[in-house]
């Protein structure tokens, strides 16, 4: 499961926003966001054509969070 660090999440609303941003990327599935670990992960729907990590980072950054 690809995982990124997400900084700036403080509440369930933040968690839902990050989850939604990642779910809206074609090819992602089973998105999981952990507030305590400050991480977001997902599964690629097609292992032969994985989603670019940079695409996920950009989507999360666009909604106002810092990503690594």
PDB file of N, CA and C in Angstrom:
ATOM      1  N   UNK A   1       0.831  -1.185   0.000  1.00  0.00           N
ATOM      2  CA  UNK A   1       0.000   0.000   0.000  1.00  0.00           C
ATOM      3  C   UNK A   1       0.876   1.250   0.000  1.00  0.00           C
ATOM      4  N   UNK A   2       0.774   2.088  -1.009  1.00  0.00           N
ATOM      5  CA  UNK A   2       1.525   3.340  -0.986  1.00  0.00           C
ATOM      6  C   UNK A   2       1.055   4.215   0.182  1.00  0.00           C
ATOM      7  N   UNK A   3       1.987   4.915   0.798  1.00  0.00           N
ATOM      8  CA  UNK A   3       1.672   5.752   1.954  1.00  0.00           C
ATOM      9  C   UNK A   3       2.407   7.087   1.832  1.00  0.00           C
ATOM     10  N   UNK A   4       1.702   8.158   2.220  1.00  0.00           N
ATOM     11  CA  UNK A   4       2.329   9.477   2.273  1.00  0.00           C
ATOM     12  C   UNK A   4       2.108  10.060   3.663  1.00  0.00           C
ATOM     13  N   UNK A   5       2.989  10.957   4.068  1.00  0.00           N
ATOM     14  CA  UNK A   5       2.820  11.689   5.319  1.00  0.00           C
ATOM     15  C   UNK A   5       2.014  12.947   5.018  1.00  0.00           C
ATOM     16  N   UNK A   6       1.026  13.228   5.879  1.00  0.00           N
ATOM     17  CA  UNK A   6       0.172  14.399   5.697  1.00  0.00           C
ATOM     18  C   UNK A   6       0.200  15.207   6.988  1.00  0.00           C
ATOM     19  N   UNK A   7       0.679  16.435   6.906  1.00  0.00           N
ATOM     20  CA  UNK A   7       0.775  17.285   8.082  1.00  0.00           C
ATOM     21  C   UNK A   7      -0.291  18.375   8.027  1.00  0.00           C
ATOM     22  N   UNK A   8      -0.834  18.695   9.177  1.00  0.00           N
ATOM     23  CA  UNK A   8      -1.844  19.738   9.272  1.00  0.00           C
ATOM     24  C   UNK A   8      -3.234  19.213   9.573  1.00  0.00           C
ATOM     25  N   UNK A   9      -3.405  17.900   9.596  1.00  0.00           N
ATOM     26  CA  UNK A   9      -4.707  17.328   9.937  1.00  0.00           C
ATOM     27  C   UNK A   9      -4.902  17.411  11.447  1.00  0.00           C
ATOM     28  N   UNK A  10      -6.054  17.936  11.868  1.00  0.00           N
ATOM     29  CA  UNK A  10      -6.301  18.088  13.298  1.00  0.00           C
ATOM     30  C   UNK A  10      -7.624  17.483  13.759  1.00  0.00           C
ATOM     31  N   UNK A  11      -8.479  17.084  12.820  1.00  0.00           N
ATOM     32  CA  UNK A  11      -9.817  16.633  13.221  1.00  0.00           C
ATOM     33  C   UNK A  11     -10.392  15.657  12.192  1.00  0.00           C
ATOM     34  N   UNK A  12     -11.579  15.144  12.500  1.00  0.00           N
ATOM     35  CA  UNK A  12     -12.237  14.210  11.590  1.00  0.00           C
ATOM     36  C   UNK A  12     -12.592  14.868  10.254  1.00  0.00           C
ATOM     37  N   UNK A  13     -12.893  16.159  10.283  1.00  0.00           N
ATOM     38  CA  UNK A  13     -13.186  16.850   9.020  1.00  0.00           C
ATOM     39  C   UNK A  13     -11.953  16.836   8.111  1.00  0.00           C
ATOM     40  N   UNK A  14     -10.787  17.078   8.692  1.00  0.00           N
ATOM     41  CA  UNK A  14      -9.535  17.008   7.921  1.00  0.00           C
ATOM     42  C   UNK A  14      -9.363  15.611   7.334  1.00  0.00           C
ATOM     43  N   UNK A  15      -9.593  14.611   8.157  1.00  0.00           N
ATOM     44  CA  UNK A  15      -9.455  13.222   7.728  1.00  0.00           C
ATOM     45  C   UNK A  15     -10.385  12.931   6.552  1.00  0.00           C
ATOM     46  N   UNK A  16     -11.629  13.394   6.651  1.00  0.00           N
ATOM     47  CA  UNK A  16     -12.597  13.172   5.570  1.00  0.00           C
ATOM     48  C   UNK A  16     -12.185  13.908   4.302  1.00  0.00           C
ATOM     49  N   UNK A  17     -11.649  15.115   4.456  1.00  0.00           N
ATOM     50  CA  UNK A  17     -11.221  15.891   3.293  1.00  0.00           C
ATOM     51  C   UNK A  17     -10.081  15.202   2.555  1.00  0.00           C
ATOM     52  N   UNK A  18      -9.112  14.708   3.302  1.00  0.00           N
ATOM     53  CA  UNK A  18      -7.976  14.010   2.693  1.00  0.00           C
ATOM     54  C   UNK A  18      -8.457  12.709   2.041  1.00  0.00           C
ATOM     55  N   UNK A  19      -9.299  11.981   2.730  1.00  0.00           N
ATOM     56  CA  UNK A  19      -9.846  10.740   2.174  1.00  0.00           C
ATOM     57  C   UNK A  19     -10.551  11.012   0.853  1.00  0.00           C
ATOM     58  N   UNK A  20     -11.401  12.015   0.834  1.00  0.00           N
ATOM     59  CA  UNK A  20     -12.155  12.360  -0.370  1.00  0.00           C
ATOM     60  C   UNK A  20     -11.228  12.778  -1.510  1.00  0.00           C
ATOM     61  N   UNK A  21     -10.208  13.576  -1.202  1.00  0.00           N
ATOM     62  CA  UNK A  21      -9.274  14.024  -2.237  1.00  0.00           C
ATOM     63  C   UNK A  21      -8.584  12.835  -2.900  1.00  0.00           C
ATOM     64  N   UNK A  22      -8.210  11.852  -2.100  1.00  0.00           N
ATOM     65  CA  UNK A  22      -7.529  10.670  -2.658  1.00  0.00           C
ATOM     66  C   UNK A  22      -8.519   9.764  -3.392  1.00  0.00           C
ATOM     67  N   UNK A  23      -9.703   9.596  -2.832  1.00  0.00           N
ATOM     68  CA  UNK A  23     -10.711   8.748  -3.488  1.00  0.00           C
ATOM     69  C   UNK A  23     -11.106   9.292  -4.856  1.00  0.00           C
ATOM     70  N   UNK A  24     -11.008  10.598  -5.054  1.00  0.00           N
ATOM     71  CA  UNK A  24     -11.387  11.213  -6.327  1.00  0.00           C
ATOM     72  C   UNK A  24     -10.344  11.025  -7.415  1.00  0.00           C
ATOM     73  N   UNK A  25      -9.213  10.433  -7.083  1.00  0.00           N
ATOM     74  CA  UNK A  25      -8.188  10.150  -8.090  1.00  0.00           C
ATOM     75  C   UNK A  25      -8.488   8.799  -8.713  1.00  0.00           C
ATOM     76  N   UNK A  26      -8.653   8.792 -10.015  1.00  0.00           N
ATOM     77  CA  UNK A  26      -8.970   7.550 -10.709  1.00  0.00           C
ATOM     78  C   UNK A  26      -7.868   6.524 -10.472  1.00  0.00           C
ATOM     79  N   UNK A  27      -8.264   5.341 -10.063  1.00  0.00           N
ATOM     80  CA  UNK A  27      -7.309   4.258  -9.858  1.00  0.00           C
ATOM     81  C   UNK A  27      -6.988   3.976  -8.403  1.00  0.00           C
ATOM     82  N   UNK A  28      -7.501   4.828  -7.480  1.00  0.00           N
ATOM     83  CA  UNK A  28      -7.270   4.564  -6.059  1.00  0.00           C
ATOM     84  C   UNK A  28      -8.480   3.852  -5.470  1.00  0.00           C
ATOM     85  N   UNK A  29      -8.220   3.037  -4.478  1.00  0.00           N
ATOM     86  CA  UNK A  29      -9.284   2.320  -3.781  1.00  0.00           C
ATOM     87  C   UNK A  29      -8.828   2.072  -2.346  1.00  0.00           C
ATOM     88  N   UNK A  30      -9.737   1.750  -1.470  1.00  0.00           N
ATOM     89  CA  UNK A  30      -9.422   1.423  -0.073  1.00  0.00           C
ATOM     90  C   UNK A  30      -8.526   2.469   0.590  1.00  0.00           C
ATOM     91  N   UNK A  31      -8.956   3.718   0.549  1.00  0.00           N
ATOM     92  CA  UNK A  31      -8.185   4.808   1.139  1.00  0.00           C
ATOM     93  C   UNK A  31      -8.289   4.748   2.660  1.00  0.00           C
ATOM     94  N   UNK A  32      -7.154   4.930   3.317  1.00  0.00           N
ATOM     95  CA  UNK A  32      -7.095   4.927   4.776  1.00  0.00           C
ATOM     96  C   UNK A  32      -6.282   6.137   5.227  1.00  0.00           C
ATOM     97  N   UNK A  33      -6.865   6.933   6.149  1.00  0.00           N
ATOM     98  CA  UNK A  33      -6.170   8.106   6.675  1.00  0.00           C
ATOM     99  C   UNK A  33      -6.104   7.975   8.191  1.00  0.00           C
ATOM    100  N   UNK A  34      -4.911   8.127   8.741  1.00  0.00           N
ATOM    101  CA  UNK A  34      -4.685   7.991  10.179  1.00  0.00           C
ATOM    102  C   UNK A  34      -4.241   9.338  10.744  1.00  0.00           C
ATOM    103  N   UNK A  35      -5.107   9.949  11.569  1.00  0.00           N
ATOM    104  CA  UNK A  35      -4.793  11.249  12.160  1.00  0.00           C
ATOM    105  C   UNK A  35      -3.580  11.191  13.080  1.00  0.00           C
ATOM    106  N   UNK A  36      -3.503  10.165  13.907  1.00  0.00           N
ATOM    107  CA  UNK A  36      -2.416  10.070  14.879  1.00  0.00           C
ATOM    108  C   UNK A  36      -1.057   9.857  14.220  1.00  0.00           C
ATOM    109  N   UNK A  37      -1.003   9.015  13.216  1.00  0.00           N
ATOM    110  CA  UNK A  37       0.249   8.757  12.505  1.00  0.00           C
ATOM    111  C   UNK A  37       0.548   9.811  11.444  1.00  0.00           C
ATOM    112  N   UNK A  38      -0.472  10.636  11.130  1.00  0.00           N
ATOM    113  CA  UNK A  38      -0.350  11.659  10.084  1.00  0.00           C
ATOM    114  C   UNK A  38       0.015  11.019   8.755  1.00  0.00           C
ATOM    115  N   UNK A  39      -0.715   9.958   8.414  1.00  0.00           N
ATOM    116  CA  UNK A  39      -0.446   9.214   7.184  1.00  0.00           C
ATOM    117  C   UNK A  39      -1.727   8.959   6.405  1.00  0.00           C
ATOM    118  N   UNK A  40      -1.566   8.842   5.115  1.00  0.00           N
ATOM    119  CA  UNK A  40      -2.657   8.442   4.228  1.00  0.00           C
ATOM    120  C   UNK A  40      -2.121   7.345   3.321  1.00  0.00           C
ATOM    121  N   UNK A  41      -2.928   6.325   3.116  1.00  0.00           N
ATOM    122  CA  UNK A  41      -2.523   5.232   2.232  1.00  0.00           C
ATOM    123  C   UNK A  41      -3.714   4.804   1.385  1.00  0.00           C
ATOM    124  N   UNK A  42      -3.436   4.065   0.340  1.00  0.00           N
ATOM    125  CA  UNK A  42      -4.459   3.618  -0.582  1.00  0.00           C
ATOM    126  C   UNK A  42      -3.959   2.382  -1.302  1.00  0.00           C
ATOM    127  N   UNK A  43      -4.890   1.694  -1.930  1.00  0.00           N
ATOM    128  CA  UNK A  43      -4.540   0.570  -2.798  1.00  0.00           C
ATOM    129  C   UNK A  43      -4.747   1.024  -4.233  1.00  0.00           C
ATOM    130  N   UNK A  44      -3.941   0.479  -5.106  1.00  0.00           N
ATOM    131  CA  UNK A  44      -4.106   0.739  -6.532  1.00  0.00           C
ATOM    132  C   UNK A  44      -5.126  -0.248  -7.082  1.00  0.00           C
ATOM    133  N   UNK A  45      -6.111   0.270  -7.792  1.00  0.00           N
ATOM    134  CA  UNK A  45      -7.144  -0.592  -8.358  1.00  0.00           C
ATOM    135  C   UNK A  45      -6.548  -1.542  -9.398  1.00  0.00           C
ATOM    136  N   UNK A  46      -5.536  -1.086 -10.111  1.00  0.00           N
ATOM    137  CA  UNK A  46      -4.879  -1.897 -11.136  1.00  0.00           C
ATOM    138  C   UNK A  46      -3.385  -1.914 -10.825  1.00  0.00           C
ATOM    139  N   UNK A  47      -2.892  -3.028 -10.331  1.00  0.00           N
ATOM    140  CA  UNK A  47      -1.478  -3.122  -9.967  1.00  0.00           C
ATOM    141  C   UNK A  47      -0.548  -2.947 -11.161  1.00  0.00           C
ATOM    142  N   UNK A  48      -1.045  -3.222 -12.347  1.00  0.00           N
ATOM    143  CA  UNK A  48      -0.235  -3.060 -13.552  1.00  0.00           C
ATOM    144  C   UNK A  48      -0.105  -1.579 -13.936  1.00  0.00           C
ATOM    145  N   UNK A  49      -1.000  -0.743 -13.413  1.00  0.00           N
ATOM    146  CA  UNK A  49      -0.969   0.695 -13.711  1.00  0.00           C
ATOM    147  C   UNK A  49      -1.187   1.468 -12.408  1.00  0.00           C
ATOM    148  N   UNK A  50      -0.185   1.460 -11.520  1.00  0.00           N
ATOM    149  CA  UNK A  50      -0.356   2.134 -10.228  1.00  0.00           C
ATOM    150  C   UNK A  50      -0.509   3.646 -10.370  1.00  0.00           C
ATOM    151  N   UNK A  51      -1.220   4.220  -9.427  1.00  0.00           N
ATOM    152  CA  UNK A  51      -1.412   5.661  -9.382  1.00  0.00           C
ATOM    153  C   UNK A  51      -0.085   6.310  -8.969  1.00  0.00           C
ATOM    154  N   UNK A  52       0.274   7.386  -9.625  1.00  0.00           N
ATOM    155  CA  UNK A  52       1.512   8.096  -9.303  1.00  0.00           C
ATOM    156  C   UNK A  52       1.388   8.734  -7.921  1.00  0.00           C
ATOM    157  N   UNK A  53       2.364   8.485  -7.075  1.00  0.00           N
ATOM    158  CA  UNK A  53       2.362   9.057  -5.721  1.00  0.00           C
ATOM    159  C   UNK A  53       2.312  10.580  -5.800  1.00  0.00           C
ATOM    160  N   UNK A  54       2.994  11.156  -6.768  1.00  0.00           N
ATOM    161  CA  UNK A  54       2.976  12.616  -6.903  1.00  0.00           C
ATOM    162  C   UNK A  54       1.582  13.153  -7.205  1.00  0.00           C
ATOM    163  N   UNK A  55       0.759  12.382  -7.901  1.00  0.00           N
ATOM    164  CA  UNK A  55      -0.618  12.803  -8.170  1.00  0.00           C
ATOM    165  C   UNK A  55      -1.411  12.873  -6.870  1.00  0.00           C
ATOM    166  N   UNK A  56      -1.188  11.911  -5.994  1.00  0.00           N
ATOM    167  CA  UNK A  56      -1.870  11.899  -4.698  1.00  0.00           C
ATOM    168  C   UNK A  56      -1.372  13.053  -3.836  1.00  0.00           C
ATOM    169  N   UNK A  57      -0.068  13.242  -3.804  1.00  0.00           N
ATOM    170  CA  UNK A  57       0.500  14.348  -3.031  1.00  0.00           C
ATOM    171  C   UNK A  57      -0.060  15.685  -3.505  1.00  0.00           C
ATOM    172  N   UNK A  58      -0.145  15.875  -4.804  1.00  0.00           N
ATOM    173  CA  UNK A  58      -0.664  17.127  -5.352  1.00  0.00           C
ATOM    174  C   UNK A  58      -2.126  17.344  -4.977  1.00  0.00           C
ATOM    175  N   UNK A  59      -2.916  16.281  -5.023  1.00  0.00           N
ATOM    176  CA  UNK A  59      -4.339  16.396  -4.679  1.00  0.00           C
ATOM    177  C   UNK A  59      -4.515  16.801  -3.222  1.00  0.00           C
ATOM    178  N   UNK A  60      -3.709  16.234  -2.343  1.00  0.00           N
ATOM    179  CA  UNK A  60      -3.800  16.546  -0.906  1.00  0.00           C
ATOM    180  C   UNK A  60      -3.263  17.956  -0.647  1.00  0.00           C
ATOM    181  N   UNK A  61      -2.200  18.328  -1.319  1.00  0.00           N
ATOM    182  CA  UNK A  61      -1.636  19.676  -1.150  1.00  0.00           C
ATOM    183  C   UNK A  61      -2.622  20.745  -1.631  1.00  0.00           C
ATOM    184  N   UNK A  62      -3.364  20.445  -2.700  1.00  0.00           N
ATOM    185  CA  UNK A  62      -4.330  21.407  -3.234  1.00  0.00           C
ATOM    186  C   UNK A  62      -5.423  21.761  -2.230  1.00  0.00           C
ATOM    187  N   UNK A  63      -5.707  20.853  -1.290  1.00  0.00           N
ATOM    188  CA  UNK A  63      -6.753  21.153  -0.305  1.00  0.00           C
ATOM    189  C   UNK A  63      -6.163  21.733   0.980  1.00  0.00           C
ATOM    190  N   UNK A  64      -4.873  22.039   0.958  1.00  0.00           N
ATOM    191  CA  UNK A  64      -4.294  22.796   2.044  1.00  0.00           C
ATOM    192  C   UNK A  64      -3.414  22.085   3.041  1.00  0.00           C
ATOM    193  N   UNK A  65      -3.037  20.853   2.754  1.00  0.00           N
ATOM    194  CA  UNK A  65      -2.195  20.117   3.691  1.00  0.00           C
ATOM    195  C   UNK A  65      -0.762  20.002   3.170  1.00  0.00           C
ATOM    196  N   UNK A  66       0.180  19.835   4.068  1.00  0.00           N
ATOM    197  CA  UNK A  66       1.563  19.634   3.700  1.00  0.00           C
ATOM    198  C   UNK A  66       1.818  18.141   3.591  1.00  0.00           C
ATOM    199  N   UNK A  67       2.426  17.731   2.506  1.00  0.00           N
ATOM    200  CA  UNK A  67       2.649  16.294   2.284  1.00  0.00           C
ATOM    201  C   UNK A  67       4.130  15.994   2.095  1.00  0.00           C
ATOM    202  N   UNK A  68       4.507  14.786   2.453  1.00  0.00           N
ATOM    203  CA  UNK A  68       5.876  14.290   2.253  1.00  0.00           C
ATOM    204  C   UNK A  68       5.802  12.916   1.635  1.00  0.00           C
TER     205      UNK A  68
END
